Amino acid sequence: MSKIKVMIVDDSAVVRNVLSDVLKGVSGIEVIGSAADPLFAMRKMEEIWPDVIVLDIEMPRMDGITFLKKIMNEHPTPVIICSTLTESGAETTMSAMSAGAVDIITKPKIGLKNFLQEQKPLIVESIRGAAQAQLSRRKTKPLTKVEAPPKLTADAVLAPPSKGAMTKTTESVIAIGTSTGGTQALELVLSALPRVSPGIVVVQHMPEKFTKAFADRLNGICEIEVKEAQNNDRVMPGRALIAPGGLHMMLKRSGAQYIVEISDGPVVSRHKPSVDVLFRSVAKYAGANALGIIMTGMGDDGAAGLLEMHEAGAMTIAQDEASCIVFGMPKEAIKKGAVDKVLSLNEIPQKIVSRNDS
């Protein structure tokens, strides 16, 4: 099996050197070159084309978003944005994700070398996931309108649900989990929903600071309200709550209402927020009142939690392979027997609106 060829494009020599060192010797990955700006990168890429590009946004001569759009128009290639951990950096990164980037690697303004070295497992996973991305599938449109740390399960945050704990109510909860390619998929799904839609809770694997910019951007283009979740926010019709990066989100019940709890805790299924944690809480507190949807992403976060939702009486859906950027998470959920229906991205918005239909 050939190695994943990586090109690093960043005007910081420190970033180029540290990322090259981090990836050196990693099985199945080869850094074929680095460049200080897109114009230098294009010259090198004429000789050998990379499988994955790690791209800074703010660079001289040509900015990263302009380069990204050029790549996507002329030679679609998986791009991972290497962005600073700032509010302005987050907003710009969301524009890049909308333009076709598949994932984000963060970099602080200080302590850069140590930070990137500590993030080695996540950087390697991001590159491997990006290499699997099927970019031609981005054309799908919705209905109109390394050594990894120990892999913990949701037990580390929340006890398993008891069987049949929740009675049926009129208020539904839609729980969505996604990762690589999920920003585009969520935009397509949520922007297709009418203002009167069931309450939605979402885990999208994304670093802290970026989830607020992502939610704000979606809120500007959707009929429903989309916001980064805060502790005790109510889950209600016409609203989607996005789990904040770096924290877990769990569904709770307060009387007849559903609310969310935002809390810190260990990384679960190698992620925080974790889809497994959200799905387990939905199984525990909503049961058959819920609909679980697992969409594009690498790895298996959410597969175990979706099975728990299924066993608690919830309807469960996986995005189909043809419309996924990366089919990893849905595939693992299907293998576990956690999925009732496999639907294309086009079909998911209608199913959310008419979840009570068989």
Protein backbone atom coordinates (compact mmCIF):
# COMPACT_ATOMS: atom_id res chain seq x y z
CA MET A 1 0.00 0.00 0.00
CA SER A 2 1.51 3.34 -1.05
CA LYS A 3 2.19 6.04 1.51
CA ILE A 4 -0.01 9.11 1.91
CA LYS A 5 1.92 11.95 0.27
CA VAL A 6 1.64 15.21 2.28
CA MET A 7 2.49 18.77 1.23
CA ILE A 8 2.79 21.42 3.99
CA VAL A 9 2.08 25.01 2.94
CA ASP A 10 2.72 27.55 5.72
CA ASP A 11 4.70 30.78 5.86
CA SER A 12 6.06 29.82 9.28
CA ALA A 13 9.33 27.89 9.01
CA VAL A 14 8.72 26.62 12.56
CA VAL A 15 5.37 25.09 11.57
CA ARG A 16 6.82 23.53 8.43
CA ASN A 17 9.76 22.05 10.30
CA VAL A 18 7.82 20.83 13.34
CA LEU A 19 5.03 19.24 11.29
CA SER A 20 7.63 17.56 9.08
CA ASP A 21 9.38 16.21 12.19
CA VAL A 22 6.08 15.09 13.75
CA LEU A 23 5.19 13.10 10.64
CA LYS A 24 8.67 11.70 10.05
CA GLY A 25 8.68 7.95 10.54
CA VAL A 26 4.89 7.65 10.88
CA SER A 27 3.80 4.48 9.12
CA GLY A 28 2.04 5.12 5.82
CA ILE A 29 2.71 8.87 5.69
CA GLU A 30 5.40 10.73 3.76
CA VAL A 31 5.99 14.50 3.66
CA ILE A 32 6.94 15.10 0.02
CA GLY A 33 7.62 18.79 0.45
CA SER A 34 6.84 22.08 2.15
CA ALA A 35 6.45 25.64 0.91
CA ALA A 36 6.25 29.11 2.41
CA ASP A 37 3.34 30.16 0.19
CA PRO A 38 0.95 28.74 -2.43
CA LEU A 39 2.98 29.93 -5.42
CA PHE A 40 6.04 28.00 -4.25
CA ALA A 41 3.77 25.04 -3.44
CA MET A 42 2.26 24.96 -6.93
CA ARG A 43 5.71 24.73 -8.52
CA LYS A 44 6.59 21.75 -6.33
CA MET A 45 3.20 20.12 -6.88
CA GLU A 46 3.73 20.17 -10.65
CA GLU A 47 6.46 17.57 -10.11
CA ILE A 48 4.55 15.32 -7.68
CA TRP A 49 0.97 15.81 -6.59
CA PRO A 50 0.18 15.25 -2.90
CA ASP A 51 -2.64 13.13 -1.51
CA VAL A 52 -3.22 15.64 1.32
CA ILE A 53 -2.32 19.33 1.65
CA VAL A 54 -1.86 20.93 5.09
CA LEU A 55 -2.56 24.60 4.46
CA ASP A 56 -2.16 27.83 6.41
CA ILE A 57 -4.66 30.60 5.65
CA GLU A 58 -2.76 33.85 6.10
CA MET A 59 0.27 33.83 3.79
CA PRO A 60 2.07 36.29 1.50
CA ARG A 61 1.44 36.57 -2.27
CA MET A 62 -1.66 34.32 -2.18
CA ASP A 63 -3.88 33.62 0.81
CA GLY A 64 -4.89 30.10 1.74
CA ILE A 65 -8.56 30.40 0.84
CA THR A 66 -7.79 31.65 -2.67
CA PHE A 67 -5.37 28.74 -3.10
CA LEU A 68 -7.94 26.30 -1.69
CA LYS A 69 -10.59 27.43 -4.17
CA LYS A 70 -8.09 27.15 -7.01
CA ILE A 71 -7.17 23.60 -5.98
CA MET A 72 -10.82 22.55 -5.64
CA ASN A 73 -11.66 23.93 -9.08
CA GLU A 74 -8.64 22.57 -10.93
CA HIS A 75 -7.49 19.44 -9.09
CA PRO A 76 -9.70 18.53 -6.09
CA THR A 77 -7.42 17.37 -3.27
CA PRO A 78 -8.11 16.84 0.44
CA VAL A 79 -7.00 19.96 2.32
CA ILE A 80 -6.51 20.28 6.08
CA ILE A 81 -6.49 23.86 7.35
CA CYS A 82 -3.73 24.71 9.84
CA SER A 83 -5.30 27.60 11.75
CA THR A 84 -4.47 29.72 14.79
CA LEU A 85 -6.52 29.27 17.96
CA THR A 86 -8.16 32.70 17.80
CA GLU A 87 -11.68 33.97 17.21
CA SER A 88 -10.70 35.66 13.93
CA GLY A 89 -8.79 32.54 12.89
CA ALA A 90 -11.90 30.46 13.60
CA GLU A 91 -14.15 32.64 11.44
CA THR A 92 -11.75 32.53 8.51
CA THR A 93 -11.36 28.78 8.92
CA MET A 94 -15.12 28.33 8.62
CA SER A 95 -14.95 30.04 5.23
CA ALA A 96 -12.24 27.56 4.25
CA MET A 97 -14.32 24.60 5.43
CA SER A 98 -17.24 25.86 3.38
CA ALA A 99 -14.92 26.13 0.36
CA GLY A 100 -14.03 22.44 0.63
CA ALA A 101 -11.40 21.87 3.34
CA VAL A 102 -12.07 18.62 5.16
CA ASP A 103 -10.49 19.13 8.59
CA ILE A 104 -8.68 21.53 10.95
CA ILE A 105 -5.34 21.39 12.73
CA THR A 106 -4.94 24.15 15.30
CA LYS A 107 -1.79 26.02 16.26
CA PRO A 108 -1.35 28.44 19.19
CA LYS A 109 0.53 31.71 18.94
CA ILE A 110 2.95 30.65 21.67
CA GLY A 111 4.36 27.25 22.62
CA LEU A 112 3.90 26.12 19.04
CA LYS A 113 6.51 23.37 18.92
CA ASN A 114 5.40 21.59 22.08
CA PHE A 115 1.74 21.95 21.15
CA LEU A 116 2.15 20.33 17.72
CA GLN A 117 4.25 17.53 19.15
CA GLU A 118 1.63 16.83 21.82
CA GLN A 119 -1.08 16.79 19.15
CA LYS A 120 0.73 14.16 17.06
CA PRO A 121 -1.97 11.44 17.39
CA LEU A 122 -4.72 13.85 16.29
CA ILE A 123 -2.62 15.26 13.44
CA VAL A 124 -1.88 11.76 12.15
CA GLU A 125 -5.55 10.75 12.42
CA SER A 126 -6.59 13.92 10.60
CA ILE A 127 -4.20 13.22 7.71
CA ARG A 128 -5.30 9.59 7.44
CA GLY A 129 -8.94 10.65 7.46
CA ALA A 130 -8.36 13.35 4.85
CA ALA A 131 -6.62 10.84 2.58
CA GLN A 132 -9.84 8.80 2.52
CA ALA A 133 -11.99 11.77 1.53
CA GLN A 134 -14.03 11.37 -1.64
CA LEU A 135 -14.19 14.97 -2.82
CA SER A 136 -16.29 14.26 -5.89
CA ARG A 137 -19.09 13.48 -3.48
CA ARG A 138 -19.22 17.10 -2.32
CA LYS A 139 -21.61 17.78 -5.21
CA THR A 140 -24.42 16.06 -3.32
CA LYS A 141 -27.22 18.55 -2.65
CA PRO A 142 -29.96 18.32 -0.04
CA LEU A 143 -33.66 18.50 -0.56
CA THR A 144 -34.79 21.85 -1.61
CA LYS A 145 -35.37 24.22 0.89
CA VAL A 146 1.55 7.04 16.09
CA GLU A 147 0.75 6.00 19.39
CA ALA A 148 -2.68 7.00 20.45
CA PRO A 149 -3.71 7.55 24.07
CA PRO A 150 -5.94 4.93 25.72
CA LYS A 151 -9.29 4.82 23.99
CA LEU A 152 -11.98 5.38 26.62
CA THR A 153 -15.66 4.61 26.18
CA ALA A 154 -18.62 6.71 27.30
CA ASP A 155 -18.45 4.88 30.66
CA ALA A 156 -15.77 7.43 31.59
CA VAL A 157 -18.37 10.20 31.53
CA LEU A 158 -21.85 8.70 31.92
CA ALA A 159 -23.28 5.40 33.18
CA PRO A 160 -25.09 3.23 30.60
CA PRO A 161 -28.84 3.75 30.14
CA SER A 162 -31.27 1.41 31.86
CA LYS A 163 -33.60 -0.50 29.59
CA GLY A 164 -36.89 1.22 28.79
CA ALA A 165 -36.32 4.05 31.24
CA MET A 166 -38.13 6.78 29.32
CA THR A 167 -41.80 6.95 28.42
CA LYS A 168 -42.96 8.28 25.07
CA THR A 169 -43.59 12.03 24.90
CA THR A 170 -44.71 14.43 22.20
CA GLU A 171 -41.36 16.27 22.21
CA SER A 172 -38.74 14.71 19.94
CA VAL A 173 -34.96 15.02 20.03
CA ILE A 174 -32.75 14.64 16.96
CA ALA A 175 -29.15 13.69 17.82
CA ILE A 176 -26.50 14.02 15.10
CA GLY A 177 -22.86 12.96 15.21
CA THR A 178 -20.27 13.66 12.53
CA SER A 179 -16.58 14.36 11.92
CA THR A 180 -14.44 14.62 8.75
CA GLY A 181 -16.56 16.25 6.04
CA GLY A 182 -19.25 17.00 8.58
CA THR A 183 -19.17 20.78 8.32
CA GLN A 184 -20.37 20.62 4.71
CA ALA A 185 -22.84 17.81 5.44
CA LEU A 186 -24.36 19.64 8.41
CA GLU A 187 -24.67 22.83 6.39
CA LEU A 188 -26.59 20.94 3.70
CA VAL A 189 -28.88 19.18 6.19
CA LEU A 190 -29.62 22.05 8.59
CA SER A 191 -30.10 24.65 5.87
CA ALA A 192 -32.74 22.41 4.27
CA LEU A 193 -34.90 22.29 7.43
CA PRO A 194 -38.01 24.46 7.87
CA ARG A 195 -38.31 26.76 10.85
CA VAL A 196 -40.68 24.31 12.55
CA SER A 197 -38.40 21.30 13.07
CA PRO A 198 -37.71 19.06 16.08
CA GLY A 199 -35.03 20.11 18.55
CA ILE A 200 -31.56 19.02 17.46
CA VAL A 201 -28.32 18.31 19.35
CA VAL A 202 -25.09 17.94 17.37
CA VAL A 203 -21.54 16.78 18.01
CA GLN A 204 -19.18 17.81 15.21
CA HIS A 205 -15.55 16.99 15.97
CA MET A 206 -13.95 20.42 16.01
CA PRO A 207 -11.46 22.29 18.23
CA GLU A 208 -12.50 24.84 20.84
CA LYS A 209 -13.19 28.36 19.56
CA PHE A 210 -14.14 26.96 16.15
CA THR A 211 -17.56 25.60 17.11
CA LYS A 212 -18.96 29.05 17.93
CA ALA A 213 -17.85 30.43 14.56
CA PHE A 214 -19.33 27.35 12.88
CA ALA A 215 -22.65 27.69 14.71
CA ASP A 216 -22.83 31.43 14.01
CA ARG A 217 -22.22 30.82 10.32
CA LEU A 218 -24.97 28.17 10.15
CA ASN A 219 -27.33 30.43 12.07
CA GLY A 220 -26.93 33.04 9.35
CA ILE A 221 -27.99 30.68 6.55
CA CYS A 222 -30.58 28.42 8.23
CA GLU A 223 -34.25 29.00 8.98
CA ILE A 224 -33.82 27.27 12.32
CA GLU A 225 -31.76 28.80 15.12
CA VAL A 226 -28.26 27.32 15.37
CA LYS A 227 -26.04 28.12 18.36
CA GLU A 228 -23.05 26.80 20.25
CA ALA A 229 -24.56 25.06 23.25
CA GLN A 230 -24.27 26.47 26.76
CA ASN A 231 -24.99 24.63 29.98
CA ASN A 232 -28.75 24.22 30.60
CA ASP A 233 -29.75 25.41 27.11
CA ARG A 234 -33.16 24.04 26.27
CA VAL A 235 -33.56 21.60 23.38
CA MET A 236 -36.66 22.85 21.62
CA PRO A 237 -38.31 22.89 18.20
CA GLY A 238 -36.65 25.15 15.68
CA ARG A 239 -33.24 25.07 17.42
CA ALA A 240 -30.00 23.15 16.85
CA LEU A 241 -27.36 23.10 19.58
CA ILE A 242 -23.74 22.45 18.57
CA ALA A 243 -21.48 20.93 21.24
CA PRO A 244 -18.64 23.32 22.10
CA GLY A 245 -15.15 22.17 21.10
CA GLY A 246 -13.12 20.72 23.96
CA LEU A 247 -16.17 19.86 26.11
CA HIS A 248 -18.71 17.05 26.23
CA MET A 249 -22.42 17.67 25.68
CA MET A 250 -25.09 15.47 27.25
CA LEU A 251 -28.86 15.50 27.04
CA LYS A 252 -30.74 15.74 30.33
CA ARG A 253 -34.41 15.88 31.25
CA SER A 254 -35.87 18.64 33.37
CA GLY A 255 -39.53 17.92 34.00
CA ALA A 256 -41.19 17.74 30.61
CA GLN A 257 -38.33 19.56 28.91
CA TYR A 258 -34.99 18.47 27.53
CA ILE A 259 -31.87 20.50 28.29
CA VAL A 260 -28.17 20.00 27.67
CA GLU A 261 -25.35 19.69 30.17
CA ILE A 262 -21.93 20.93 29.07
CA SER A 263 -19.05 19.48 31.05
CA ASP A 264 -15.37 18.71 30.93
CA GLY A 265 -14.07 15.20 31.28
CA PRO A 266 -11.74 12.67 29.72
CA VAL A 267 -11.40 12.23 25.99
CA VAL A 268 -13.86 9.52 24.88
CA SER A 269 -13.38 7.47 21.71
CA ARG A 270 -10.38 9.80 21.18
CA HIS A 271 -12.61 12.87 20.99
CA LYS A 272 -13.99 15.67 23.14
CA PRO A 273 -16.78 16.37 22.43
CA SER A 274 -17.59 12.73 21.79
CA VAL A 275 -20.53 11.47 19.77
CA ASP A 276 -20.67 8.37 21.98
CA VAL A 277 -21.20 10.52 25.07
CA LEU A 278 -24.02 12.50 23.44
CA PHE A 279 -25.71 9.41 22.02
CA ARG A 280 -25.54 7.56 25.33
CA SER A 281 -27.18 10.48 27.13
CA VAL A 282 -29.90 10.62 24.48
CA ALA A 283 -30.51 6.88 24.87
CA LYS A 284 -30.70 7.33 28.64
CA TYR A 285 -32.96 10.36 28.83
CA ALA A 286 -34.96 10.35 25.57
CA GLY A 287 -35.13 6.70 24.52
CA ALA A 288 -37.82 6.18 21.89
CA ASN A 289 -38.46 9.94 21.77
CA ALA A 290 -35.24 10.36 19.82
CA LEU A 291 -33.85 9.96 16.32
CA GLY A 292 -30.11 9.28 16.03
CA ILE A 293 -28.15 10.13 12.89
CA ILE A 294 -24.50 9.29 12.27
CA MET A 295 -22.87 11.00 9.31
CA THR A 296 -19.55 11.32 7.50
CA GLY A 297 -16.37 10.95 9.54
CA MET A 298 -13.31 8.82 10.20
CA GLY A 299 -13.12 6.33 13.06
CA ASP A 300 -15.85 4.78 15.16
CA ASP A 301 -16.96 7.49 17.59
CA GLY A 302 -20.73 7.26 17.83
CA ALA A 303 -21.14 3.64 16.74
CA ALA A 304 -21.48 2.27 20.29
CA GLY A 305 -23.69 5.18 21.35
CA LEU A 306 -25.98 4.74 18.35
CA LEU A 307 -26.40 1.07 19.25
CA GLU A 308 -27.47 2.14 22.74
CA MET A 309 -30.01 4.53 21.21
CA HIS A 310 -31.27 1.72 18.97
CA GLU A 311 -31.64 -0.61 21.94
CA ALA A 312 -33.47 2.14 23.88
CA GLY A 313 -36.12 2.31 21.14
CA ALA A 314 -34.88 5.28 19.12
CA MET A 315 -34.93 5.23 15.34
CA THR A 316 -31.38 5.30 13.99
CA ILE A 317 -29.99 6.43 10.64
CA ALA A 318 -26.59 6.26 8.95
CA GLN A 319 -25.55 8.41 6.00
CA ASP A 320 -24.88 6.24 2.97
CA GLU A 321 -21.42 5.67 1.54
CA ALA A 322 -22.17 7.39 -1.76
CA SER A 323 -22.82 10.76 -0.10
CA CYS A 324 -20.14 10.56 2.64
CA ILE A 325 -16.81 12.34 2.38
CA VAL A 326 -15.45 9.59 4.69
CA PHE A 327 -17.63 6.53 5.36
CA GLY A 328 -15.83 5.43 8.55
CA MET A 329 -18.28 6.35 11.32
CA PRO A 330 -21.46 5.27 9.51
CA LYS A 331 -19.77 2.04 8.40
CA GLU A 332 -18.79 1.14 11.97
CA ALA A 333 -22.32 1.83 13.23
CA ILE A 334 -23.80 -0.37 10.49
CA LYS A 335 -21.34 -3.17 11.35
CA LYS A 336 -22.52 -3.04 14.97
CA GLY A 337 -26.15 -3.50 13.94
CA ALA A 338 -26.97 -0.04 15.32
CA VAL A 339 -28.68 1.32 12.20
CA ASP A 340 -32.35 1.06 11.19
CA LYS A 341 -32.04 2.95 7.90
CA VAL A 342 -29.23 3.97 5.57
CA LEU A 343 -30.09 7.22 3.78
CA SER A 344 -28.38 9.61 1.41
CA LEU A 345 -27.63 13.15 2.52
CA ASN A 346 -30.53 14.25 0.31
CA GLU A 347 -33.00 12.15 2.29
CA ILE A 348 -31.94 13.04 5.83
CA PRO A 349 -33.65 16.47 6.15
CA GLN A 350 -37.03 15.06 5.21
CA LYS A 351 -36.60 12.21 7.68
CA ILE A 352 -35.84 14.71 10.46
CA VAL A 353 -39.07 16.58 9.72
CA SER A 354 -41.18 13.41 9.46
CA ARG A 355 -39.36 11.24 12.01
CA ASN A 356 -42.55 9.60 13.19
CA ASP A 357 -43.14 8.07 9.77
CA SER A 358 -41.84 4.55 9.23
